[in-house]
Amino acid sequence: MNYFSKNITYYRKQRGLTQEQMFRYVEISRTSWSNYEKGISEPSIDGLIRIASFFVISLDKLLLEDAEGDKVENEVQEEELLLSFIVNELKRLRKELEAVKKEKTRKMS
């Protein structure tokens, strides 16, 4: 599947750029850039290379990977790592609490 139009819109918005700024930066006409984002047309290989270079990504990533899907997947992975960290910290704290309880019980005896 070709994600080009979806990806250029996503990457442009992620960088806080307008369509007007983009067509100036990559030297593509306003109409062409708008048509790319709408999925009406696609640039030449030279245009693809300029766009990929501007976003500092590979052509594969620009054309074949869902940038928004990657974002969601990365967020899920980050949440899973955070949850794992929290669970491990809770286990560590539980062990420390048990050790404190045992020490307190020993001193009271």
Protein backbone atom coordinates (compact mmCIF):
# COMPACT_ATOMS: atom_id res chain seq x y z
CA MET A 1 0.00 0.00 0.00
CA ASN A 2 1.20 3.51 -0.79
CA TYR A 3 1.03 5.86 2.20
CA PHE A 4 2.62 8.83 0.45
CA SER A 5 -0.21 11.38 0.68
CA LYS A 6 -1.08 10.41 4.24
CA ASN A 7 2.56 10.50 5.31
CA ILE A 8 3.48 13.87 3.84
CA THR A 9 0.45 15.40 5.53
CA TYR A 10 1.38 13.74 8.82
CA TYR A 11 5.07 14.71 8.70
CA ARG A 12 4.25 18.29 7.66
CA LYS A 13 1.80 18.73 10.53
CA GLN A 14 4.17 17.07 13.01
CA ARG A 15 6.71 19.78 12.18
CA GLY A 16 4.08 22.52 12.43
CA LEU A 17 4.46 23.56 8.80
CA THR A 18 1.87 24.89 6.39
CA GLN A 19 1.43 23.66 2.84
CA GLU A 20 2.77 27.03 1.69
CA GLN A 21 5.97 26.55 3.65
CA MET A 22 6.39 23.03 2.28
CA PHE A 23 6.13 23.92 -1.37
CA ARG A 24 8.72 26.64 -0.80
CA TYR A 25 11.10 24.35 1.09
CA VAL A 26 11.00 21.50 -1.42
CA GLU A 27 10.51 23.71 -4.50
CA ILE A 28 7.23 22.16 -5.59
CA SER A 29 4.30 24.24 -6.79
CA ARG A 30 1.46 24.98 -4.38
CA THR A 31 -1.04 23.11 -6.56
CA SER A 32 1.24 20.08 -6.86
CA TRP A 33 1.82 19.90 -3.10
CA SER A 34 -1.91 20.17 -2.43
CA ASN A 35 -2.58 17.41 -4.99
CA TYR A 36 0.05 15.20 -3.34
CA GLU A 37 -1.60 15.54 0.05
CA LYS A 38 -5.03 14.85 -1.47
CA GLY A 39 -3.67 11.76 -3.23
CA ILE A 40 -4.57 13.15 -6.65
CA SER A 41 -1.02 12.93 -7.99
CA GLU A 42 2.50 11.95 -6.96
CA PRO A 43 5.82 13.66 -7.65
CA SER A 44 8.60 12.50 -9.91
CA ILE A 45 11.39 10.43 -8.37
CA ASP A 46 13.39 13.67 -8.02
CA GLY A 47 10.49 15.24 -6.10
CA LEU A 48 10.16 12.15 -3.89
CA ILE A 49 13.86 12.33 -3.08
CA ARG A 50 13.64 16.05 -2.20
CA ILE A 51 10.63 15.41 0.08
CA ALA A 52 12.22 12.39 1.78
CA SER A 53 15.46 14.33 2.24
CA PHE A 54 13.59 17.27 3.74
CA PHE A 55 11.89 14.99 6.30
CA VAL A 56 15.16 13.03 6.77
CA ILE A 57 13.50 9.69 6.05
CA SER A 58 13.99 6.93 3.49
CA LEU A 59 11.85 6.60 0.39
CA ASP A 60 10.56 3.30 1.79
CA LYS A 61 9.38 5.02 4.95
CA LEU A 62 7.84 7.87 2.94
CA LEU A 63 5.96 5.58 0.54
CA LEU A 64 5.40 2.22 2.20
CA GLU A 65 5.10 2.72 5.97
CA ASP A 66 2.17 4.26 7.81
CA ALA A 67 3.75 7.09 9.81
CA GLU A 68 0.67 7.49 12.00
CA GLY A 69 0.53 3.74 12.60
CA ASP A 70 4.18 3.81 13.67
CA LYS A 71 3.36 6.60 16.09
CA VAL A 72 0.56 4.58 17.67
CA GLU A 73 2.73 1.46 17.83
CA ASN A 74 5.56 3.41 19.45
CA GLU A 75 3.18 4.93 21.99
CA VAL A 76 1.89 1.47 22.88
CA GLN A 77 5.44 0.17 23.29
CA GLU A 78 6.32 3.13 25.51
CA GLU A 79 3.22 2.52 27.65
CA GLU A 80 4.10 -1.17 27.96
CA LEU A 81 7.63 -0.26 29.07
CA LEU A 82 6.25 2.21 31.59
CA LEU A 83 3.80 -0.35 32.96
CA SER A 84 6.56 -2.93 33.23
CA PHE A 85 8.72 -0.44 35.13
CA ILE A 86 5.84 0.38 37.49
CA VAL A 87 5.13 -3.31 38.16
CA ASN A 88 8.81 -3.96 38.90
CA GLU A 89 8.97 -0.95 41.22
CA LEU A 90 5.87 -2.15 43.06
CA LYS A 91 7.43 -5.59 43.50
CA ARG A 92 10.62 -4.01 44.82
CA LEU A 93 8.69 -1.81 47.24
CA ARG A 94 6.63 -4.78 48.41
CA LYS A 95 9.84 -6.68 49.21
CA GLU A 96 11.23 -3.68 51.08
CA LEU A 97 8.01 -3.31 53.05
CA GLU A 98 8.06 -7.01 53.98
CA ALA A 99 11.67 -6.67 55.13
CA VAL A 100 10.75 -3.64 57.27
CA LYS A 101 7.79 -5.55 58.77
CA LYS A 102 10.00 -8.53 59.60
CA GLU A 103 12.62 -6.30 61.20
CA LYS A 104 9.94 -4.51 63.24
CA THR A 105 8.45 -7.82 64.37
CA ARG A 106 11.91 -9.13 65.30
CA LYS A 107 12.68 -6.03 67.39
CA MET A 108 9.33 -6.26 69.17
CA SER A 109 9.96 -9.88 70.22
